[in-house]
Amino acid sequence: MNGVRWLDQRGETLDCPTVIKRASAARVVLLGERHDRAGHHRWQLHVAAALASLRPITMGFEMFPARASPILAEWVAVT
């Protein structure tokens, strides 16, 4: 995650391992992005992979269209 700058609530810079460790202890982690920025999507992938390496995770995606809801509900029911 080169080039990523992490700041805490006081504006202090944190290193990536510290952020991932803290996030892995959280019940919910939200990762935002601009939809047209591939770099943002790569960053999300790296954060998700780092978290998944520490514990099981569940991911939700807001980008699925409403017409996919029945398909997603079926998938959730069998998993």
PDB file of N, CA and C in Angstrom:
ATOM      1  N   MET A   1       0.841  -1.175   0.000  1.00  0.00           N
ATOM      2  CA  MET A   1       0.000   0.000   0.000  1.00  0.00           C
ATOM      3  C   MET A   1       0.889   1.242   0.000  1.00  0.00           C
ATOM      4  N   ASN A   2       1.808   1.235  -0.936  1.00  0.00           N
ATOM      5  CA  ASN A   2       2.726   2.368  -1.051  1.00  0.00           C
ATOM      6  C   ASN A   2       1.980   3.633  -1.411  1.00  0.00           C
ATOM      7  N   GLY A   3       2.401   4.726  -0.828  1.00  0.00           N
ATOM      8  CA  GLY A   3       1.795   6.008  -1.129  1.00  0.00           C
ATOM      9  C   GLY A   3       0.546   6.313  -0.338  1.00  0.00           C
ATOM     10  N   VAL A   4       0.100   5.367   0.487  1.00  0.00           N
ATOM     11  CA  VAL A   4      -1.088   5.587   1.310  1.00  0.00           C
ATOM     12  C   VAL A   4      -0.650   6.260   2.595  1.00  0.00           C
ATOM     13  N   ARG A   5      -1.351   7.281   2.979  1.00  0.00           N
ATOM     14  CA  ARG A   5      -1.055   7.989   4.222  1.00  0.00           C
ATOM     15  C   ARG A   5      -2.217   7.791   5.173  1.00  0.00           C
ATOM     16  N   TRP A   6      -1.960   7.197   6.306  1.00  0.00           N
ATOM     17  CA  TRP A   6      -2.980   6.921   7.304  1.00  0.00           C
ATOM     18  C   TRP A   6      -2.892   7.961   8.400  1.00  0.00           C
ATOM     19  N   LEU A   7      -4.031   8.522   8.770  1.00  0.00           N
ATOM     20  CA  LEU A   7      -4.098   9.504   9.853  1.00  0.00           C
ATOM     21  C   LEU A   7      -5.097   9.030  10.894  1.00  0.00           C
ATOM     22  N   ASP A   8      -4.762   9.240  12.169  1.00  0.00           N
ATOM     23  CA  ASP A   8      -5.740   8.913  13.209  1.00  0.00           C
ATOM     24  C   ASP A   8      -6.628  10.129  13.461  1.00  0.00           C
ATOM     25  N   GLN A   9      -7.528  10.012  14.441  1.00  0.00           N
ATOM     26  CA  GLN A   9      -8.492  11.078  14.690  1.00  0.00           C
ATOM     27  C   GLN A   9      -7.844  12.375  15.131  1.00  0.00           C
ATOM     28  N   ARG A  10      -6.596  12.323  15.604  1.00  0.00           N
ATOM     29  CA  ARG A  10      -5.873  13.541  16.003  1.00  0.00           C
ATOM     30  C   ARG A  10      -5.049  14.111  14.855  1.00  0.00           C
ATOM     31  N   GLY A  11      -5.058  13.423  13.712  1.00  0.00           N
ATOM     32  CA  GLY A  11      -4.274  13.877  12.568  1.00  0.00           C
ATOM     33  C   GLY A  11      -2.841  13.376  12.583  1.00  0.00           C
ATOM     34  N   GLU A  12      -2.543  12.441  13.473  1.00  0.00           N
ATOM     35  CA  GLU A  12      -1.201  11.879  13.567  1.00  0.00           C
ATOM     36  C   GLU A  12      -1.039  10.759  12.538  1.00  0.00           C
ATOM     37  N   THR A  13       0.117  10.687  11.919  1.00  0.00           N
ATOM     38  CA  THR A  13       0.395   9.670  10.913  1.00  0.00           C
ATOM     39  C   THR A  13       0.635   8.318  11.574  1.00  0.00           C
ATOM     40  N   LEU A  14       0.023   7.291  11.003  1.00  0.00           N
ATOM     41  CA  LEU A  14       0.195   5.918  11.478  1.00  0.00           C
ATOM     42  C   LEU A  14       0.793   5.071  10.368  1.00  0.00           C
ATOM     43  N   ASP A  15       1.544   4.026  10.747  1.00  0.00           N
ATOM     44  CA  ASP A  15       2.039   3.116   9.716  1.00  0.00           C
ATOM     45  C   ASP A  15       0.959   2.082   9.388  1.00  0.00           C
ATOM     46  N   CYS A  16       1.097   1.464   8.235  1.00  0.00           N
ATOM     47  CA  CYS A  16       0.071   0.533   7.743  1.00  0.00           C
ATOM     48  C   CYS A  16      -0.149  -0.651   8.686  1.00  0.00           C
ATOM     49  N   PRO A  17       0.895  -1.302   9.195  1.00  0.00           N
ATOM     50  CA  PRO A  17       0.643  -2.431  10.099  1.00  0.00           C
ATOM     51  C   PRO A  17      -0.176  -2.046  11.337  1.00  0.00           C
ATOM     52  N   THR A  18       0.039  -0.858  11.858  1.00  0.00           N
ATOM     53  CA  THR A  18      -0.732  -0.392  13.013  1.00  0.00           C
ATOM     54  C   THR A  18      -2.200  -0.220  12.643  1.00  0.00           C
ATOM     55  N   VAL A  19      -2.452   0.358  11.499  1.00  0.00           N
ATOM     56  CA  VAL A  19      -3.832   0.574  11.056  1.00  0.00           C
ATOM     57  C   VAL A  19      -4.540  -0.763  10.843  1.00  0.00           C
ATOM     58  N   ILE A  20      -3.882  -1.689  10.179  1.00  0.00           N
ATOM     59  CA  ILE A  20      -4.495  -2.995   9.909  1.00  0.00           C
ATOM     60  C   ILE A  20      -4.756  -3.726  11.223  1.00  0.00           C
ATOM     61  N   LYS A  21      -3.829  -3.677  12.154  1.00  0.00           N
ATOM     62  CA  LYS A  21      -4.021  -4.335  13.452  1.00  0.00           C
ATOM     63  C   LYS A  21      -5.231  -3.744  14.171  1.00  0.00           C
ATOM     64  N   ARG A  22      -5.325  -2.416  14.189  1.00  0.00           N
ATOM     65  CA  ARG A  22      -6.478  -1.765  14.837  1.00  0.00           C
ATOM     66  C   ARG A  22      -7.778  -2.122  14.129  1.00  0.00           C
ATOM     67  N   ALA A  23      -7.744  -2.084  12.808  1.00  0.00           N
ATOM     68  CA  ALA A  23      -8.961  -2.386  12.038  1.00  0.00           C
ATOM     69  C   ALA A  23      -9.394  -3.834  12.233  1.00  0.00           C
ATOM     70  N   SER A  24      -8.442  -4.735  12.388  1.00  0.00           N
ATOM     71  CA  SER A  24      -8.801  -6.149  12.551  1.00  0.00           C
ATOM     72  C   SER A  24      -9.522  -6.400  13.876  1.00  0.00           C
ATOM     73  N   ALA A  25      -9.373  -5.496  14.812  1.00  0.00           N
ATOM     74  CA  ALA A  25     -10.072  -5.628  16.092  1.00  0.00           C
ATOM     75  C   ALA A  25     -11.471  -5.011  16.055  1.00  0.00           C
ATOM     76  N   ALA A  26     -11.767  -4.276  15.005  1.00  0.00           N
ATOM     77  CA  ALA A  26     -13.058  -3.593  14.888  1.00  0.00           C
ATOM     78  C   ALA A  26     -14.133  -4.547  14.372  1.00  0.00           C
ATOM     79  N   ARG A  27     -15.346  -4.303  14.799  1.00  0.00           N
ATOM     80  CA  ARG A  27     -16.482  -5.105  14.317  1.00  0.00           C
ATOM     81  C   ARG A  27     -16.835  -4.749  12.873  1.00  0.00           C
ATOM     82  N   VAL A  28     -16.713  -3.479  12.533  1.00  0.00           N
ATOM     83  CA  VAL A  28     -17.045  -2.997  11.187  1.00  0.00           C
ATOM     84  C   VAL A  28     -15.933  -2.070  10.712  1.00  0.00           C
ATOM     85  N   VAL A  29     -15.530  -2.247   9.464  1.00  0.00           N
ATOM     86  CA  VAL A  29     -14.548  -1.377   8.824  1.00  0.00           C
ATOM     87  C   VAL A  29     -15.166  -0.895   7.516  1.00  0.00           C
ATOM     88  N   LEU A  30     -15.241   0.394   7.330  1.00  0.00           N
ATOM     89  CA  LEU A  30     -15.787   0.961   6.098  1.00  0.00           C
ATOM     90  C   LEU A  30     -14.648   1.508   5.254  1.00  0.00           C
ATOM     91  N   LEU A  31     -14.646   1.150   3.986  1.00  0.00           N
ATOM     92  CA  LEU A  31     -13.635   1.638   3.051  1.00  0.00           C
ATOM     93  C   LEU A  31     -14.338   2.375   1.924  1.00  0.00           C
ATOM     94  N   GLY A  32     -14.132   3.642   1.832  1.00  0.00           N
ATOM     95  CA  GLY A  32     -14.760   4.430   0.781  1.00  0.00           C
ATOM     96  C   GLY A  32     -13.823   4.606  -0.400  1.00  0.00           C
ATOM     97  N   GLU A  33     -14.383   5.033  -1.490  1.00  0.00           N
ATOM     98  CA  GLU A  33     -13.580   5.281  -2.683  1.00  0.00           C
ATOM     99  C   GLU A  33     -14.361   6.125  -3.670  1.00  0.00           C
ATOM    100  N   ARG A  34     -13.636   6.602  -4.665  1.00  0.00           N
ATOM    101  CA  ARG A  34     -14.294   7.224  -5.817  1.00  0.00           C
ATOM    102  C   ARG A  34     -14.387   6.138  -6.871  1.00  0.00           C
ATOM    103  N   HIS A  35     -15.580   5.918  -7.383  1.00  0.00           N
ATOM    104  CA  HIS A  35     -15.830   4.796  -8.288  1.00  0.00           C
ATOM    105  C   HIS A  35     -14.962   4.806  -9.537  1.00  0.00           C
ATOM    106  N   ASP A  36     -14.511   5.967  -9.954  1.00  0.00           N
ATOM    107  CA  ASP A  36     -13.748   6.044 -11.196  1.00  0.00           C
ATOM    108  C   ASP A  36     -12.236   5.982 -10.966  1.00  0.00           C
ATOM    109  N   ARG A  37     -11.799   5.607  -9.787  1.00  0.00           N
ATOM    110  CA  ARG A  37     -10.371   5.565  -9.459  1.00  0.00           C
ATOM    111  C   ARG A  37      -9.908   4.130  -9.219  1.00  0.00           C
ATOM    112  N   ALA A  38      -9.237   3.563 -10.191  1.00  0.00           N
ATOM    113  CA  ALA A  38      -8.754   2.183 -10.060  1.00  0.00           C
ATOM    114  C   ALA A  38      -7.802   2.032  -8.877  1.00  0.00           C
ATOM    115  N   GLY A  39      -7.013   3.060  -8.603  1.00  0.00           N
ATOM    116  CA  GLY A  39      -6.103   3.013  -7.467  1.00  0.00           C
ATOM    117  C   GLY A  39      -6.830   2.853  -6.147  1.00  0.00           C
ATOM    118  N   HIS A  40      -8.011   3.446  -6.041  1.00  0.00           N
ATOM    119  CA  HIS A  40      -8.814   3.297  -4.831  1.00  0.00           C
ATOM    120  C   HIS A  40      -9.262   1.849  -4.679  1.00  0.00           C
ATOM    121  N   HIS A  41      -9.629   1.224  -5.798  1.00  0.00           N
ATOM    122  CA  HIS A  41     -10.074  -0.166  -5.755  1.00  0.00           C
ATOM    123  C   HIS A  41      -8.924  -1.093  -5.381  1.00  0.00           C
ATOM    124  N   ARG A  42      -7.724  -0.809  -5.881  1.00  0.00           N
ATOM    125  CA  ARG A  42      -6.549  -1.604  -5.494  1.00  0.00           C
ATOM    126  C   ARG A  42      -6.282  -1.458  -3.996  1.00  0.00           C
ATOM    127  N   TRP A  43      -6.397  -0.227  -3.494  1.00  0.00           N
ATOM    128  CA  TRP A  43      -6.198   0.026  -2.067  1.00  0.00           C
ATOM    129  C   TRP A  43      -7.199  -0.783  -1.247  1.00  0.00           C
ATOM    130  N   GLN A  44      -8.477  -0.772  -1.651  1.00  0.00           N
ATOM    131  CA  GLN A  44      -9.490  -1.546  -0.935  1.00  0.00           C
ATOM    132  C   GLN A  44      -9.140  -3.031  -0.943  1.00  0.00           C
ATOM    133  N   LEU A  45      -8.688  -3.541  -2.063  1.00  0.00           N
ATOM    134  CA  LEU A  45      -8.307  -4.943  -2.174  1.00  0.00           C
ATOM    135  C   LEU A  45      -7.174  -5.272  -1.208  1.00  0.00           C
ATOM    136  N   HIS A  46      -6.168  -4.414  -1.161  1.00  0.00           N
ATOM    137  CA  HIS A  46      -5.029  -4.656  -0.274  1.00  0.00           C
ATOM    138  C   HIS A  46      -5.442  -4.615   1.194  1.00  0.00           C
ATOM    139  N   VAL A  47      -6.293  -3.670   1.561  1.00  0.00           N
ATOM    140  CA  VAL A  47      -6.766  -3.590   2.944  1.00  0.00           C
ATOM    141  C   VAL A  47      -7.591  -4.832   3.283  1.00  0.00           C
ATOM    142  N   ALA A  48      -8.499  -5.221   2.401  1.00  0.00           N
ATOM    143  CA  ALA A  48      -9.325  -6.404   2.640  1.00  0.00           C
ATOM    144  C   ALA A  48      -8.457  -7.653   2.757  1.00  0.00           C
ATOM    145  N   ALA A  49      -7.458  -7.787   1.897  1.00  0.00           N
ATOM    146  CA  ALA A  49      -6.567  -8.953   1.955  1.00  0.00           C
ATOM    147  C   ALA A  49      -5.775  -8.968   3.256  1.00  0.00           C
ATOM    148  N   ALA A  50      -5.306  -7.807   3.687  1.00  0.00           N
ATOM    149  CA  ALA A  50      -4.557  -7.734   4.945  1.00  0.00           C
ATOM    150  C   ALA A  50      -5.448  -8.117   6.120  1.00  0.00           C
ATOM    151  N   LEU A  51      -6.680  -7.627   6.132  1.00  0.00           N
ATOM    152  CA  LEU A  51      -7.605  -7.975   7.209  1.00  0.00           C
ATOM    153  C   LEU A  51      -7.937  -9.470   7.176  1.00  0.00           C
ATOM    154  N   ALA A  52      -8.176  -9.994   5.986  1.00  0.00           N
ATOM    155  CA  ALA A  52      -8.521 -11.418   5.848  1.00  0.00           C
ATOM    156  C   ALA A  52      -7.365 -12.324   6.261  1.00  0.00           C
ATOM    157  N   SER A  53      -6.139 -11.822   6.180  1.00  0.00           N
ATOM    158  CA  SER A  53      -5.001 -12.635   6.609  1.00  0.00           C
ATOM    159  C   SER A  53      -4.940 -12.758   8.128  1.00  0.00           C
ATOM    160  N   LEU A  54      -5.648 -11.875   8.836  1.00  0.00           N
ATOM    161  CA  LEU A  54      -5.642 -11.879  10.300  1.00  0.00           C
ATOM    162  C   LEU A  54      -6.849 -12.568  10.916  1.00  0.00           C
ATOM    163  N   ARG A  55      -7.983 -12.536  10.206  1.00  0.00           N
ATOM    164  CA  ARG A  55      -9.203 -13.149  10.736  1.00  0.00           C
ATOM    165  C   ARG A  55     -10.214 -13.278   9.612  1.00  0.00           C
ATOM    166  N   PRO A  56     -11.220 -14.133   9.802  1.00  0.00           N
ATOM    167  CA  PRO A  56     -12.269 -14.220   8.785  1.00  0.00           C
ATOM    168  C   PRO A  56     -13.010 -12.880   8.675  1.00  0.00           C
ATOM    169  N   ILE A  57     -13.358 -12.507   7.462  1.00  0.00           N
ATOM    170  CA  ILE A  57     -14.101 -11.258   7.254  1.00  0.00           C
ATOM    171  C   ILE A  57     -15.310 -11.511   6.372  1.00  0.00           C
ATOM    172  N   THR A  58     -16.270 -10.629   6.485  1.00  0.00           N
ATOM    173  CA  THR A  58     -17.427 -10.601   5.597  1.00  0.00           C
ATOM    174  C   THR A  58     -17.395  -9.258   4.904  1.00  0.00           C
ATOM    175  N   MET A  59     -17.608  -9.256   3.603  1.00  0.00           N
ATOM    176  CA  MET A  59     -17.562  -8.000   2.855  1.00  0.00           C
ATOM    177  C   MET A  59     -18.922  -7.704   2.254  1.00  0.00           C
ATOM    178  N   GLY A  60     -19.288  -6.451   2.275  1.00  0.00           N
ATOM    179  CA  GLY A  60     -20.510  -5.992   1.627  1.00  0.00           C
ATOM    180  C   GLY A  60     -20.146  -4.991   0.545  1.00  0.00           C
ATOM    181  N   PHE A  61     -20.931  -4.969  -0.507  1.00  0.00           N
ATOM    182  CA  PHE A  61     -20.668  -4.065  -1.621  1.00  0.00           C
ATOM    183  C   PHE A  61     -21.929  -3.285  -1.958  1.00  0.00           C
ATOM    184  N   GLU A  62     -21.797  -1.988  -2.052  1.00  0.00           N
ATOM    185  CA  GLU A  62     -22.948  -1.156  -2.379  1.00  0.00           C
ATOM    186  C   GLU A  62     -23.128  -0.993  -3.881  1.00  0.00           C
ATOM    187  N   MET A  63     -22.184  -1.479  -4.656  1.00  0.00           N
ATOM    188  CA  MET A  63     -22.235  -1.179  -6.085  1.00  0.00           C
ATOM    189  C   MET A  63     -23.105  -2.126  -6.894  1.00  0.00           C
ATOM    190  N   PHE A  64     -23.613  -3.192  -6.257  1.00  0.00           N
ATOM    191  CA  PHE A  64     -24.465  -4.104  -7.007  1.00  0.00           C
ATOM    192  C   PHE A  64     -25.804  -3.436  -7.311  1.00  0.00           C
ATOM    193  N   PRO A  65     -26.297  -3.572  -8.534  1.00  0.00           N
ATOM    194  CA  PRO A  65     -27.592  -2.979  -8.863  1.00  0.00           C
ATOM    195  C   PRO A  65     -28.733  -3.722  -8.157  1.00  0.00           C
ATOM    196  N   ALA A  66     -29.830  -3.030  -7.939  1.00  0.00           N
ATOM    197  CA  ALA A  66     -30.978  -3.618  -7.243  1.00  0.00           C
ATOM    198  C   ALA A  66     -31.458  -4.900  -7.922  1.00  0.00           C
ATOM    199  N   ARG A  67     -31.339  -4.978  -9.242  1.00  0.00           N
ATOM    200  CA  ARG A  67     -31.812  -6.173  -9.953  1.00  0.00           C
ATOM    201  C   ARG A  67     -31.015  -7.419  -9.562  1.00  0.00           C
ATOM    202  N   ALA A  68     -29.833  -7.250  -8.942  1.00  0.00           N
ATOM    203  CA  ALA A  68     -29.032  -8.401  -8.511  1.00  0.00           C
ATOM    204  C   ALA A  68     -29.436  -8.893  -7.127  1.00  0.00           C
ATOM    205  N   SER A  69     -30.321  -8.189  -6.444  1.00  0.00           N
ATOM    206  CA  SER A  69     -30.701  -8.561  -5.073  1.00  0.00           C
ATOM    207  C   SER A  69     -31.194  -9.998  -4.942  1.00  0.00           C
ATOM    208  N   PRO A  70     -32.087 -10.483  -5.816  1.00  0.00           N
ATOM    209  CA  PRO A  70     -32.536 -11.879  -5.671  1.00  0.00           C
ATOM    210  C   PRO A  70     -31.385 -12.885  -5.797  1.00  0.00           C
ATOM    211  N   ILE A  71     -30.474 -12.622  -6.686  1.00  0.00           N
ATOM    212  CA  ILE A  71     -29.324 -13.514  -6.893  1.00  0.00           C
ATOM    213  C   ILE A  71     -28.435 -13.499  -5.651  1.00  0.00           C
ATOM    214  N   LEU A  72     -28.182 -12.310  -5.124  1.00  0.00           N
ATOM    215  CA  LEU A  72     -27.343 -12.196  -3.931  1.00  0.00           C
ATOM    216  C   LEU A  72     -28.029 -12.839  -2.732  1.00  0.00           C
ATOM    217  N   ALA A  73     -29.335 -12.662  -2.600  1.00  0.00           N
ATOM    218  CA  ALA A  73     -30.073 -13.280  -1.489  1.00  0.00           C
ATOM    219  C   ALA A  73     -29.987 -14.802  -1.586  1.00  0.00           C
ATOM    220  N   GLU A  74     -30.084 -15.329  -2.778  1.00  0.00           N
ATOM    221  CA  GLU A  74     -29.973 -16.782  -2.965  1.00  0.00           C
ATOM    222  C   GLU A  74     -28.577 -17.259  -2.572  1.00  0.00           C
ATOM    223  N   TRP A  75     -27.569 -16.523  -2.966  1.00  0.00           N
ATOM    224  CA  TRP A  75     -26.195 -16.899  -2.619  1.00  0.00           C
ATOM    225  C   TRP A  75     -25.999 -16.872  -1.107  1.00  0.00           C
ATOM    226  N   VAL A  76     -26.502 -15.863  -0.431  1.00  0.00           N
ATOM    227  CA  VAL A  76     -26.379 -15.766   1.019  1.00  0.00           C
ATOM    228  C   VAL A  76     -27.092 -16.941   1.692  1.00  0.00           C
ATOM    229  N   ALA A  77     -28.223 -17.336   1.166  1.00  0.00           N
ATOM    230  CA  ALA A  77     -29.004 -18.426   1.760  1.00  0.00           C
ATOM    231  C   ALA A  77     -28.261 -19.765   1.708  1.00  0.00           C
ATOM    232  N   VAL A  78     -27.408 -19.968   0.728  1.00  0.00           N
ATOM    233  CA  VAL A  78     -26.717 -21.256   0.600  1.00  0.00           C
ATOM    234  C   VAL A  78     -25.309 -21.244   1.165  1.00  0.00           C
ATOM    235  N   THR A  79     -24.834 -20.094   1.595  1.00  0.00           N
ATOM    236  CA  THR A  79     -23.478 -20.040   2.140  1.00  0.00           C
ATOM    237  C   THR A  79     -23.448 -20.092   3.634  1.00  0.00           C
TER     238      THR A  79
END
